[in-house]
């Protein structure tokens, strides 16, 4: 150990009061999770959301966890409803409770940004419907989408992002990256010209 290194070591010892430079790392937020661990963490997130927000759906916590999983598996509301044995309306309510809004949910037959303004300004439903020239039931449906978006935005999309991260980790563990890598290599290799002469 040279003089400079020894000097730095002495400073470290004086500052920290210990002689161990590295500590054992705990499994952190970004580590790959097993299937049961991911399920437990998704369940914990759902429970935290239920504590924080008033849920409209009457789904059990297990059903809500299943909604999250199927949503991120790209299942539509009809498929999720069939899996859970509930109505599509119940699935829609559950998705809104969980901030799981699809782009297609915002495709209203009227100006969606205008509806957003009316909801944020807390304009009563009947007045919203009159302003948009639409049926109250339809406006109520899209108002639920706006409300879910607003709640999600106020939470910095934290819950939705954490669901996505947890389920992506599980997919990585399940070997989906291997398929993606092979597909990517195959595509890249197709573009390579092989003009080799010896």
N, C-alpha and C. Protein backbone atom coordinates (compact mmCIF):
# COMPACT_ATOMS: atom_id res chain seq x y z
N UNK A 1 0.86 -1.18 0.00
CA UNK A 1 0.00 0.00 0.00
C UNK A 1 0.90 1.23 0.00
N UNK A 2 0.74 2.11 -0.99
CA UNK A 2 1.61 3.29 -1.02
C UNK A 2 1.13 4.33 -0.03
N UNK A 3 1.93 5.37 0.09
CA UNK A 3 1.69 6.40 1.11
C UNK A 3 0.35 7.11 0.91
N UNK A 4 0.02 7.42 -0.35
CA UNK A 4 -1.22 8.12 -0.65
C UNK A 4 -2.44 7.26 -0.29
N UNK A 5 -2.39 5.97 -0.65
CA UNK A 5 -3.49 5.05 -0.35
C UNK A 5 -3.66 4.90 1.15
N UNK A 6 -2.54 4.81 1.84
CA UNK A 6 -2.58 4.67 3.30
C UNK A 6 -3.21 5.90 3.94
N UNK A 7 -2.86 7.06 3.39
CA UNK A 7 -3.41 8.33 3.90
C UNK A 7 -4.94 8.37 3.69
N UNK A 8 -5.38 7.96 2.52
CA UNK A 8 -6.81 7.93 2.23
C UNK A 8 -7.54 6.93 3.14
N UNK A 9 -6.88 5.78 3.40
CA UNK A 9 -7.47 4.78 4.28
C UNK A 9 -7.65 5.34 5.69
N UNK A 10 -6.65 6.07 6.16
CA UNK A 10 -6.72 6.67 7.50
C UNK A 10 -7.85 7.69 7.58
N UNK A 11 -8.01 8.49 6.53
CA UNK A 11 -9.10 9.48 6.49
C UNK A 11 -10.45 8.76 6.55
N UNK A 12 -10.56 7.66 5.78
CA UNK A 12 -11.80 6.88 5.76
C UNK A 12 -12.12 6.34 7.14
N UNK A 13 -11.12 5.75 7.80
CA UNK A 13 -11.32 5.18 9.13
C UNK A 13 -11.74 6.24 10.14
N UNK A 14 -11.10 7.42 10.06
CA UNK A 14 -11.44 8.51 10.98
C UNK A 14 -12.87 9.00 10.75
N UNK A 15 -13.26 9.07 9.48
CA UNK A 15 -14.57 9.61 9.12
C UNK A 15 -15.70 8.65 9.46
N UNK A 16 -15.53 7.39 9.11
CA UNK A 16 -16.63 6.43 9.26
C UNK A 16 -16.62 5.69 10.58
N UNK A 17 -15.48 5.62 11.22
CA UNK A 17 -15.40 4.89 12.47
C UNK A 17 -15.41 3.39 12.26
N UNK A 18 -15.24 2.94 11.03
CA UNK A 18 -15.22 1.51 10.73
C UNK A 18 -14.12 1.20 9.75
N UNK A 19 -13.80 -0.08 9.62
CA UNK A 19 -12.74 -0.43 8.68
C UNK A 19 -13.25 -1.25 7.49
N UNK A 20 -14.59 -1.33 7.35
CA UNK A 20 -15.16 -2.07 6.22
C UNK A 20 -15.54 -1.07 5.13
N UNK A 21 -14.96 -1.26 3.98
CA UNK A 21 -15.20 -0.33 2.88
C UNK A 21 -16.51 -0.63 2.17
N UNK A 22 -16.83 -1.91 2.01
CA UNK A 22 -18.08 -2.27 1.33
C UNK A 22 -19.02 -2.96 2.29
N UNK A 23 -20.31 -2.74 2.07
CA UNK A 23 -21.32 -3.40 2.87
C UNK A 23 -22.10 -4.35 1.99
N UNK A 24 -22.68 -5.36 2.61
CA UNK A 24 -23.53 -6.29 1.88
C UNK A 24 -24.75 -5.53 1.38
N UNK A 25 -25.05 -5.66 0.10
CA UNK A 25 -26.17 -4.92 -0.46
C UNK A 25 -27.47 -5.68 -0.26
N UNK A 26 -28.49 -4.94 0.16
CA UNK A 26 -29.82 -5.53 0.30
C UNK A 26 -30.48 -5.56 -1.06
N UNK A 27 -31.43 -6.47 -1.22
CA UNK A 27 -32.19 -6.51 -2.47
C UNK A 27 -33.04 -5.26 -2.53
N UNK A 28 -32.81 -4.46 -3.55
CA UNK A 28 -33.49 -3.17 -3.66
C UNK A 28 -34.70 -3.20 -4.55
N UNK A 29 -35.26 -2.01 -4.79
CA UNK A 29 -36.50 -1.86 -5.55
C UNK A 29 -36.37 -2.38 -6.98
N UNK A 30 -35.19 -2.19 -7.57
CA UNK A 30 -35.04 -2.55 -8.98
C UNK A 30 -34.57 -3.96 -9.23
N UNK A 31 -34.51 -4.80 -8.22
CA UNK A 31 -34.01 -6.16 -8.42
C UNK A 31 -35.08 -7.04 -9.05
N UNK A 32 -34.62 -8.09 -9.71
CA UNK A 32 -35.57 -9.01 -10.33
C UNK A 32 -36.34 -9.75 -9.25
N UNK A 33 -37.65 -9.76 -9.40
CA UNK A 33 -38.49 -10.39 -8.38
C UNK A 33 -39.03 -11.71 -8.91
N UNK A 34 -39.19 -12.65 -8.01
CA UNK A 34 -39.81 -13.91 -8.36
C UNK A 34 -41.30 -13.71 -8.53
N UNK A 35 -41.98 -14.71 -9.06
CA UNK A 35 -43.42 -14.57 -9.34
C UNK A 35 -44.21 -14.30 -8.07
N UNK A 36 -43.93 -15.04 -6.99
CA UNK A 36 -44.70 -14.85 -5.76
C UNK A 36 -44.38 -13.50 -5.14
N UNK A 37 -43.11 -13.07 -5.24
CA UNK A 37 -42.71 -11.76 -4.71
C UNK A 37 -43.41 -10.65 -5.48
N UNK A 38 -43.46 -10.77 -6.81
CA UNK A 38 -44.12 -9.76 -7.64
C UNK A 38 -45.61 -9.70 -7.31
N UNK A 39 -46.24 -10.86 -7.15
CA UNK A 39 -47.67 -10.91 -6.82
C UNK A 39 -47.94 -10.23 -5.48
N UNK A 40 -47.05 -10.47 -4.53
CA UNK A 40 -47.20 -9.86 -3.20
C UNK A 40 -47.04 -8.35 -3.27
N UNK A 41 -46.08 -7.90 -4.06
CA UNK A 41 -45.83 -6.46 -4.17
C UNK A 41 -46.96 -5.75 -4.93
N UNK A 42 -47.51 -6.43 -5.95
CA UNK A 42 -48.67 -5.87 -6.66
C UNK A 42 -49.85 -5.77 -5.69
N UNK A 43 -50.05 -6.81 -4.89
CA UNK A 43 -51.12 -6.83 -3.90
C UNK A 43 -50.95 -5.69 -2.89
N UNK A 44 -49.71 -5.46 -2.45
CA UNK A 44 -49.42 -4.36 -1.51
C UNK A 44 -49.76 -3.00 -2.13
N UNK A 45 -49.42 -2.84 -3.40
CA UNK A 45 -49.72 -1.58 -4.10
C UNK A 45 -51.23 -1.36 -4.20
N UNK A 46 -51.95 -2.43 -4.54
CA UNK A 46 -53.42 -2.34 -4.63
C UNK A 46 -54.00 -1.93 -3.27
N UNK A 47 -53.48 -2.54 -2.20
CA UNK A 47 -53.96 -2.22 -0.85
C UNK A 47 -53.66 -0.76 -0.50
N UNK A 48 -52.49 -0.27 -0.88
CA UNK A 48 -52.13 1.14 -0.63
C UNK A 48 -53.06 2.08 -1.38
N UNK A 49 -53.39 1.71 -2.62
CA UNK A 49 -54.29 2.54 -3.41
C UNK A 49 -55.69 2.56 -2.79
N UNK A 50 -56.13 1.41 -2.32
CA UNK A 50 -57.48 1.31 -1.72
C UNK A 50 -57.56 2.18 -0.46
N UNK A 51 -56.45 2.24 0.29
CA UNK A 51 -56.41 3.08 1.49
C UNK A 51 -56.46 4.56 1.12
N UNK A 52 -55.78 4.89 0.03
CA UNK A 52 -55.63 6.30 -0.36
C UNK A 52 -56.83 6.85 -1.12
N UNK A 53 -57.45 6.02 -1.95
CA UNK A 53 -58.55 6.47 -2.81
C UNK A 53 -59.84 5.72 -2.48
N UNK A 54 -60.95 6.34 -2.83
CA UNK A 54 -62.24 5.68 -2.68
C UNK A 54 -62.52 4.89 -3.96
N UNK A 55 -62.53 3.57 -3.87
CA UNK A 55 -62.73 2.72 -5.04
C UNK A 55 -64.22 2.59 -5.36
N UNK A 56 -64.54 2.66 -6.65
CA UNK A 56 -65.93 2.51 -7.10
C UNK A 56 -66.28 1.05 -7.38
N UNK A 57 -65.27 0.27 -7.74
CA UNK A 57 -65.56 -1.13 -8.09
C UNK A 57 -65.76 -1.94 -6.82
N UNK A 58 -66.58 -2.96 -6.93
CA UNK A 58 -66.82 -3.82 -5.78
C UNK A 58 -65.93 -5.05 -5.81
N UNK A 59 -64.86 -5.01 -6.60
CA UNK A 59 -63.97 -6.16 -6.75
C UNK A 59 -63.16 -6.41 -5.48
N UNK A 60 -62.88 -7.69 -5.23
CA UNK A 60 -62.03 -8.06 -4.10
C UNK A 60 -60.58 -7.69 -4.45
N UNK A 61 -59.73 -7.72 -3.43
CA UNK A 61 -58.32 -7.38 -3.68
C UNK A 61 -57.68 -8.37 -4.64
N UNK A 62 -58.01 -9.65 -4.50
CA UNK A 62 -57.47 -10.67 -5.41
C UNK A 62 -57.89 -10.40 -6.85
N UNK A 63 -59.16 -10.00 -7.02
CA UNK A 63 -59.65 -9.69 -8.37
C UNK A 63 -58.96 -8.46 -8.93
N UNK A 64 -58.70 -7.47 -8.07
CA UNK A 64 -58.02 -6.26 -8.53
C UNK A 64 -56.59 -6.58 -8.96
N UNK A 65 -55.93 -7.45 -8.22
CA UNK A 65 -54.57 -7.88 -8.61
C UNK A 65 -54.63 -8.59 -9.96
N UNK A 66 -55.67 -9.41 -10.15
CA UNK A 66 -55.83 -10.13 -11.42
C UNK A 66 -56.09 -9.14 -12.57
N UNK A 67 -56.86 -8.08 -12.29
CA UNK A 67 -57.11 -7.05 -13.31
C UNK A 67 -55.78 -6.43 -13.74
N UNK A 68 -54.93 -6.11 -12.77
CA UNK A 68 -53.62 -5.51 -13.08
C UNK A 68 -52.82 -6.44 -13.99
N UNK A 69 -52.74 -7.72 -13.59
CA UNK A 69 -51.94 -8.69 -14.36
C UNK A 69 -52.47 -8.82 -15.79
N UNK A 70 -53.79 -8.98 -15.93
CA UNK A 70 -54.37 -9.17 -17.25
C UNK A 70 -54.27 -7.90 -18.10
N UNK A 71 -54.41 -6.74 -17.46
CA UNK A 71 -54.25 -5.47 -18.18
C UNK A 71 -52.86 -5.40 -18.82
N UNK A 72 -51.83 -5.72 -18.04
CA UNK A 72 -50.47 -5.66 -18.56
C UNK A 72 -50.13 -6.83 -19.48
N UNK A 73 -51.03 -7.82 -19.54
CA UNK A 73 -50.91 -8.89 -20.54
C UNK A 73 -51.68 -8.53 -21.81
N UNK A 74 -52.15 -7.27 -21.87
CA UNK A 74 -52.90 -6.75 -23.03
C UNK A 74 -54.27 -7.40 -23.23
N UNK A 75 -54.86 -7.90 -22.16
CA UNK A 75 -56.22 -8.44 -22.27
C UNK A 75 -57.20 -7.26 -22.31
N UNK A 76 -58.25 -7.37 -23.14
CA UNK A 76 -59.26 -6.32 -23.17
C UNK A 76 -60.27 -6.55 -22.04
N UNK A 77 -61.18 -5.59 -21.86
CA UNK A 77 -62.13 -5.67 -20.75
C UNK A 77 -63.02 -6.92 -20.84
N UNK A 78 -63.37 -7.31 -22.05
CA UNK A 78 -64.22 -8.50 -22.22
C UNK A 78 -63.49 -9.74 -21.73
N UNK A 79 -62.21 -9.87 -22.07
CA UNK A 79 -61.42 -11.03 -21.65
C UNK A 79 -61.21 -11.03 -20.13
N UNK A 80 -60.97 -9.85 -19.57
CA UNK A 80 -60.77 -9.74 -18.12
C UNK A 80 -62.08 -10.10 -17.40
N UNK A 81 -63.19 -9.57 -17.92
CA UNK A 81 -64.50 -9.86 -17.32
C UNK A 81 -64.80 -11.35 -17.35
N UNK A 82 -64.47 -11.97 -18.47
CA UNK A 82 -64.69 -13.41 -18.62
C UNK A 82 -63.84 -14.19 -17.62
N UNK A 83 -62.60 -13.77 -17.45
CA UNK A 83 -61.68 -14.44 -16.52
C UNK A 83 -62.16 -14.33 -15.07
N UNK A 84 -62.68 -13.15 -14.71
CA UNK A 84 -63.10 -12.91 -13.33
C UNK A 84 -64.55 -13.29 -13.07
N UNK A 85 -65.34 -13.48 -14.14
CA UNK A 85 -66.76 -13.79 -13.97
C UNK A 85 -67.55 -12.58 -13.50
N UNK A 86 -67.16 -11.39 -14.00
CA UNK A 86 -67.87 -10.15 -13.66
C UNK A 86 -68.24 -9.43 -14.96
N UNK A 87 -68.96 -8.32 -14.84
CA UNK A 87 -69.35 -7.55 -16.02
C UNK A 87 -68.19 -6.70 -16.53
N UNK A 88 -68.28 -6.30 -17.78
CA UNK A 88 -67.25 -5.40 -18.35
C UNK A 88 -67.27 -4.05 -17.64
N UNK A 89 -68.45 -3.61 -17.20
CA UNK A 89 -68.53 -2.35 -16.45
C UNK A 89 -67.74 -2.43 -15.15
N UNK A 90 -67.81 -3.60 -14.49
CA UNK A 90 -67.05 -3.78 -13.24
C UNK A 90 -65.55 -3.73 -13.51
N UNK A 91 -65.14 -4.30 -14.64
CA UNK A 91 -63.72 -4.28 -15.02
C UNK A 91 -63.29 -2.84 -15.32
N UNK A 92 -64.14 -2.11 -16.05
CA UNK A 92 -63.83 -0.70 -16.35
C UNK A 92 -63.66 0.08 -15.05
N UNK A 93 -64.60 -0.08 -14.11
CA UNK A 93 -64.50 0.62 -12.82
C UNK A 93 -63.22 0.25 -12.09
N UNK A 94 -62.87 -1.04 -12.12
CA UNK A 94 -61.65 -1.51 -11.45
C UNK A 94 -60.42 -0.88 -12.09
N UNK A 95 -60.39 -0.83 -13.42
CA UNK A 95 -59.25 -0.21 -14.10
C UNK A 95 -59.12 1.26 -13.74
N UNK A 96 -60.24 1.96 -13.67
CA UNK A 96 -60.20 3.38 -13.32
C UNK A 96 -59.71 3.55 -11.87
N UNK A 97 -60.18 2.68 -10.97
CA UNK A 97 -59.71 2.72 -9.58
C UNK A 97 -58.20 2.56 -9.52
N UNK A 98 -57.66 1.72 -10.41
CA UNK A 98 -56.23 1.39 -10.39
C UNK A 98 -55.38 2.27 -11.31
N UNK A 99 -56.00 3.32 -11.87
CA UNK A 99 -55.33 4.26 -12.78
C UNK A 99 -54.84 3.59 -14.06
N UNK A 100 -55.50 2.52 -14.48
CA UNK A 100 -55.10 1.80 -15.68
C UNK A 100 -55.95 2.24 -16.86
N UNK A 101 -55.62 3.41 -17.36
CA UNK A 101 -56.38 4.02 -18.47
C UNK A 101 -55.68 3.69 -19.79
N UNK A 102 -56.47 3.17 -20.74
CA UNK A 102 -55.94 2.92 -22.08
C UNK A 102 -56.13 4.17 -22.94
N UNK A 103 -55.32 4.29 -23.97
CA UNK A 103 -55.47 5.42 -24.89
C UNK A 103 -56.87 5.41 -25.51
N UNK A 104 -57.38 4.22 -25.79
CA UNK A 104 -58.71 4.10 -26.40
C UNK A 104 -59.82 4.60 -25.46
N UNK A 105 -59.57 4.59 -24.16
CA UNK A 105 -60.56 5.10 -23.20
C UNK A 105 -60.81 6.59 -23.38
N UNK A 106 -59.85 7.27 -23.98
CA UNK A 106 -59.96 8.73 -24.16
C UNK A 106 -60.57 9.12 -25.51
N UNK A 107 -60.92 8.13 -26.31
CA UNK A 107 -61.48 8.41 -27.64
C UNK A 107 -62.98 8.64 -27.54
N UNK A 108 -63.34 9.81 -27.07
CA UNK A 108 -64.76 10.18 -26.86
C UNK A 108 -65.36 10.73 -28.14
N UNK A 109 -66.70 10.62 -28.27
CA UNK A 109 -67.37 11.18 -29.46
C UNK A 109 -67.58 12.70 -29.34
N UNK A 110 -66.87 13.32 -28.42
CA UNK A 110 -66.91 14.78 -28.25
C UNK A 110 -65.51 15.22 -27.84
N UNK A 111 -65.34 16.51 -27.65
CA UNK A 111 -64.02 17.07 -27.32
C UNK A 111 -63.60 16.63 -25.90
N UNK A 112 -62.68 15.68 -25.83
CA UNK A 112 -62.26 15.12 -24.55
C UNK A 112 -61.53 16.17 -23.68
N UNK A 113 -60.76 17.03 -24.32
CA UNK A 113 -60.04 18.06 -23.54
C UNK A 113 -61.02 19.05 -22.92
N UNK A 114 -62.14 19.29 -23.61
CA UNK A 114 -63.17 20.18 -23.04
C UNK A 114 -63.82 19.52 -21.82
N UNK A 115 -64.08 18.21 -21.94
CA UNK A 115 -64.64 17.46 -20.81
C UNK A 115 -63.66 17.53 -19.62
N UNK A 116 -62.37 17.38 -19.91
CA UNK A 116 -61.36 17.43 -18.85
C UNK A 116 -61.46 18.76 -18.09
N UNK A 117 -61.59 19.84 -18.83
CA UNK A 117 -61.71 21.17 -18.21
C UNK A 117 -62.96 21.27 -17.34
N UNK A 118 -64.06 20.72 -17.84
CA UNK A 118 -65.32 20.76 -17.10
C UNK A 118 -65.23 19.93 -15.81
N UNK A 119 -64.56 18.77 -15.89
CA UNK A 119 -64.40 17.93 -14.70
C UNK A 119 -63.50 18.61 -13.68
N UNK A 120 -62.38 19.15 -14.15
CA UNK A 120 -61.44 19.84 -13.25
C UNK A 120 -62.11 21.04 -12.58
N UNK A 121 -62.99 21.73 -13.33
CA UNK A 121 -63.71 22.88 -12.77
C UNK A 121 -64.92 22.46 -11.93
N UNK A 122 -65.11 21.14 -11.79
CA UNK A 122 -66.20 20.57 -10.97
C UNK A 122 -67.59 21.01 -11.42
N UNK A 123 -67.75 21.11 -12.74
CA UNK A 123 -69.06 21.44 -13.32
C UNK A 123 -69.95 20.20 -13.13
N UNK A 124 -71.20 20.37 -12.65
CA UNK A 124 -72.09 19.22 -12.44
C UNK A 124 -72.31 18.41 -13.73
N UNK A 125 -72.57 17.12 -13.57
CA UNK A 125 -72.70 16.21 -14.69
C UNK A 125 -73.73 16.67 -15.72
N UNK A 126 -74.90 17.11 -15.25
CA UNK A 126 -75.96 17.54 -16.18
C UNK A 126 -75.48 18.71 -17.03
N UNK A 127 -74.76 19.64 -16.42
CA UNK A 127 -74.24 20.80 -17.17
C UNK A 127 -73.13 20.39 -18.13
N UNK A 128 -72.31 19.41 -17.70
CA UNK A 128 -71.26 18.90 -18.59
C UNK A 128 -71.90 18.30 -19.84
N UNK A 129 -72.93 17.48 -19.63
CA UNK A 129 -73.61 16.82 -20.74
C UNK A 129 -74.23 17.85 -21.68
N UNK A 130 -74.84 18.89 -21.10
CA UNK A 130 -75.46 19.94 -21.93
C UNK A 130 -74.41 20.69 -22.73
N UNK A 131 -73.28 21.00 -22.08
CA UNK A 131 -72.20 21.75 -22.75
C UNK A 131 -71.60 20.95 -23.90
N UNK A 132 -71.58 19.61 -23.75
CA UNK A 132 -70.97 18.75 -24.77
C UNK A 132 -72.00 18.21 -25.76
N UNK A 133 -73.29 18.46 -25.47
CA UNK A 133 -74.36 17.98 -26.35
C UNK A 133 -74.39 16.46 -26.41
N UNK A 134 -74.18 15.83 -25.24
CA UNK A 134 -74.11 14.37 -25.20
C UNK A 134 -74.96 13.83 -24.06
N UNK A 135 -75.23 12.53 -24.14
CA UNK A 135 -76.01 11.83 -23.12
C UNK A 135 -75.27 11.81 -21.79
N UNK A 136 -76.00 12.00 -20.69
CA UNK A 136 -75.36 12.05 -19.36
C UNK A 136 -74.61 10.76 -19.03
N UNK A 137 -75.15 9.61 -19.39
CA UNK A 137 -74.50 8.34 -19.09
C UNK A 137 -73.15 8.22 -19.79
N UNK A 138 -73.13 8.69 -21.05
CA UNK A 138 -71.90 8.67 -21.83
C UNK A 138 -70.86 9.63 -21.23
N UNK A 139 -71.33 10.81 -20.86
CA UNK A 139 -70.44 11.82 -20.25
C UNK A 139 -69.91 11.32 -18.91
N UNK A 140 -70.76 10.62 -18.15
CA UNK A 140 -70.32 10.06 -16.86
C UNK A 140 -69.22 9.03 -17.07
N UNK A 141 -69.36 8.20 -18.12
CA UNK A 141 -68.35 7.19 -18.44
C UNK A 141 -66.99 7.86 -18.71
N UNK A 142 -66.99 8.86 -19.59
CA UNK A 142 -65.72 9.52 -19.94
C UNK A 142 -65.22 10.41 -18.80
N UNK A 143 -66.12 10.88 -17.95
CA UNK A 143 -65.71 11.66 -16.78
C UNK A 143 -64.91 10.78 -15.82
N UNK A 144 -65.28 9.50 -15.74
CA UNK A 144 -64.54 8.55 -14.90
C UNK A 144 -63.11 8.39 -15.41
N UNK A 145 -62.96 8.41 -16.73
CA UNK A 145 -61.62 8.32 -17.33
C UNK A 145 -60.81 9.56 -16.97
N UNK A 146 -61.44 10.73 -17.10
CA UNK A 146 -60.77 11.99 -16.74
C UNK A 146 -60.35 11.96 -15.27
N UNK A 147 -61.26 11.54 -14.40
CA UNK A 147 -60.98 11.50 -12.96
C UNK A 147 -59.81 10.57 -12.66
N UNK A 148 -59.76 9.42 -13.34
CA UNK A 148 -58.65 8.48 -13.14
C UNK A 148 -57.34 9.09 -13.61
N UNK A 149 -57.38 9.77 -14.76
CA UNK A 149 -56.19 10.46 -15.27
C UNK A 149 -55.69 11.52 -14.29
N UNK A 150 -56.63 12.28 -13.75
CA UNK A 150 -56.27 13.35 -12.81
C UNK A 150 -55.63 12.76 -11.55
N UNK A 151 -56.23 11.71 -10.99
CA UNK A 151 -55.65 11.06 -9.80
C UNK A 151 -54.27 10.51 -10.09
N UNK A 152 -54.13 9.89 -11.25
CA UNK A 152 -52.84 9.31 -11.64
C UNK A 152 -51.78 10.40 -11.80
N UNK A 153 -52.16 11.49 -12.45
CA UNK A 153 -51.23 12.60 -12.66
C UNK A 153 -50.80 13.22 -11.33
N UNK A 154 -51.75 13.38 -10.42
CA UNK A 154 -51.41 13.94 -9.11
C UNK A 154 -50.46 13.04 -8.33
N UNK A 155 -50.50 11.75 -8.63
CA UNK A 155 -49.58 10.80 -7.98
C UNK A 155 -48.34 10.57 -8.85
N UNK A 156 -48.13 11.43 -9.85
CA UNK A 156 -47.01 11.30 -10.79
C UNK A 156 -46.98 9.93 -11.48
N UNK A 157 -48.16 9.37 -11.74
CA UNK A 157 -48.30 8.05 -12.39
C UNK A 157 -47.53 6.96 -11.65
N UNK A 158 -47.27 7.19 -10.37
CA UNK A 158 -46.44 6.29 -9.57
C UNK A 158 -46.99 4.86 -9.53
N UNK A 159 -48.29 4.73 -9.26
CA UNK A 159 -48.86 3.39 -9.10
C UNK A 159 -48.82 2.61 -10.41
N UNK A 160 -49.24 3.25 -11.47
CA UNK A 160 -49.23 2.58 -12.79
C UNK A 160 -47.81 2.18 -13.17
N UNK A 161 -46.85 3.08 -12.94
CA UNK A 161 -45.45 2.80 -13.28
C UNK A 161 -44.90 1.65 -12.44
N UNK A 162 -45.27 1.62 -11.16
CA UNK A 162 -44.78 0.53 -10.30
C UNK A 162 -45.38 -0.81 -10.71
N UNK A 163 -46.67 -0.81 -11.08
CA UNK A 163 -47.28 -2.05 -11.59
C UNK A 163 -46.49 -2.54 -12.81
N UNK A 164 -46.25 -1.62 -13.74
CA UNK A 164 -45.56 -1.97 -14.99
C UNK A 164 -44.17 -2.50 -14.69
N UNK A 165 -43.47 -1.86 -13.78
CA UNK A 165 -42.10 -2.28 -13.44
C UNK A 165 -42.10 -3.68 -12.81
N UNK A 166 -43.00 -3.90 -11.87
CA UNK A 166 -43.07 -5.21 -11.20
C UNK A 166 -43.37 -6.34 -12.19
N UNK A 167 -44.33 -6.09 -13.06
CA UNK A 167 -44.72 -7.14 -13.99
C UNK A 167 -43.69 -7.31 -15.11
N UNK A 168 -42.97 -6.24 -15.45
CA UNK A 168 -41.88 -6.34 -16.43
C UNK A 168 -40.74 -7.16 -15.85
N UNK A 169 -40.44 -6.95 -14.55
CA UNK A 169 -39.39 -7.73 -13.89
C UNK A 169 -39.73 -9.21 -13.93
N UNK A 170 -41.01 -9.51 -13.69
CA UNK A 170 -41.44 -10.91 -13.69
C UNK A 170 -41.28 -11.50 -15.09
N UNK A 171 -41.64 -10.71 -16.12
CA UNK A 171 -41.48 -11.18 -17.49
C UNK A 171 -40.02 -11.43 -17.83
N UNK A 172 -39.15 -10.53 -17.35
CA UNK A 172 -37.72 -10.72 -17.60
C UNK A 172 -37.24 -12.02 -16.98
N UNK A 173 -37.72 -12.28 -15.77
CA UNK A 173 -37.33 -13.50 -15.08
C UNK A 173 -37.87 -14.72 -15.81
N UNK A 174 -39.03 -14.54 -16.47
CA UNK A 174 -39.65 -15.66 -17.17
C UNK A 174 -39.03 -15.96 -18.52
N UNK A 175 -38.05 -15.16 -18.93
CA UNK A 175 -37.30 -15.47 -20.15
C UNK A 175 -37.80 -14.78 -21.40
N UNK A 176 -38.69 -13.78 -21.23
CA UNK A 176 -39.17 -13.09 -22.43
C UNK A 176 -38.05 -12.33 -23.13
N UNK A 177 -37.02 -11.94 -22.40
CA UNK A 177 -35.92 -11.20 -23.01
C UNK A 177 -35.16 -12.07 -23.99
N UNK A 178 -35.11 -13.37 -23.71
CA UNK A 178 -34.39 -14.29 -24.60
C UNK A 178 -35.03 -14.26 -25.98
N UNK A 179 -36.38 -14.33 -26.01
CA UNK A 179 -37.10 -14.28 -27.29
C UNK A 179 -36.85 -12.96 -27.99
N UNK A 180 -36.91 -11.87 -27.22
CA UNK A 180 -36.73 -10.54 -27.81
C UNK A 180 -35.33 -10.42 -28.40
N UNK A 181 -34.32 -10.94 -27.67
CA UNK A 181 -32.94 -10.85 -28.14
C UNK A 181 -32.77 -11.65 -29.43
N UNK A 182 -33.35 -12.86 -29.45
CA UNK A 182 -33.23 -13.69 -30.64
C UNK A 182 -33.90 -13.03 -31.84
N UNK A 183 -35.12 -12.47 -31.62
CA UNK A 183 -35.82 -11.79 -32.70
C UNK A 183 -35.02 -10.60 -33.21
N UNK A 184 -34.46 -9.83 -32.26
CA UNK A 184 -33.66 -8.65 -32.62
C UNK A 184 -32.43 -9.03 -33.40
N UNK A 185 -31.75 -10.09 -32.99
CA UNK A 185 -30.56 -10.54 -33.69
C UNK A 185 -30.90 -11.04 -35.08
N UNK A 186 -32.04 -11.76 -35.17
CA UNK A 186 -32.45 -12.28 -36.48
C UNK A 186 -32.71 -11.12 -37.45
N UNK A 187 -33.44 -10.07 -36.94
CA UNK A 187 -33.73 -8.91 -37.79
C UNK A 187 -32.46 -8.20 -38.21
N UNK A 188 -31.53 -8.03 -37.26
CA UNK A 188 -30.28 -7.35 -37.55
C UNK A 188 -29.46 -8.14 -38.55
N UNK A 189 -29.46 -9.47 -38.40
CA UNK A 189 -28.66 -10.32 -39.28
C UNK A 189 -29.21 -10.33 -40.70
N UNK A 190 -30.52 -10.14 -40.84
CA UNK A 190 -31.12 -10.14 -42.17
C UNK A 190 -30.59 -8.99 -43.04
N UNK A 191 -30.21 -7.89 -42.38
CA UNK A 191 -29.75 -6.73 -43.12
C UNK A 191 -28.25 -6.77 -43.43
N UNK A 192 -27.54 -7.74 -42.90
CA UNK A 192 -26.10 -7.81 -43.13
C UNK A 192 -25.84 -8.45 -44.48
N UNK A 193 -25.02 -7.75 -45.25
CA UNK A 193 -24.64 -8.34 -46.54
C UNK A 193 -23.45 -9.26 -46.30
N UNK A 194 -23.53 -10.46 -46.79
CA UNK A 194 -22.42 -11.38 -46.61
C UNK A 194 -21.75 -11.60 -47.96
N UNK A 195 -20.74 -10.81 -48.18
CA UNK A 195 -19.96 -10.90 -49.43
C UNK A 195 -18.53 -11.22 -49.05
N UNK A 196 -18.30 -12.45 -48.71
CA UNK A 196 -16.96 -12.85 -48.24
C UNK A 196 -16.26 -13.63 -49.32
N UNK A 197 -15.06 -13.21 -49.64
CA UNK A 197 -14.29 -13.98 -50.62
C UNK A 197 -12.96 -14.36 -49.97
N UNK A 198 -12.53 -15.57 -50.21
CA UNK A 198 -11.29 -16.05 -49.60
C UNK A 198 -10.17 -16.04 -50.61
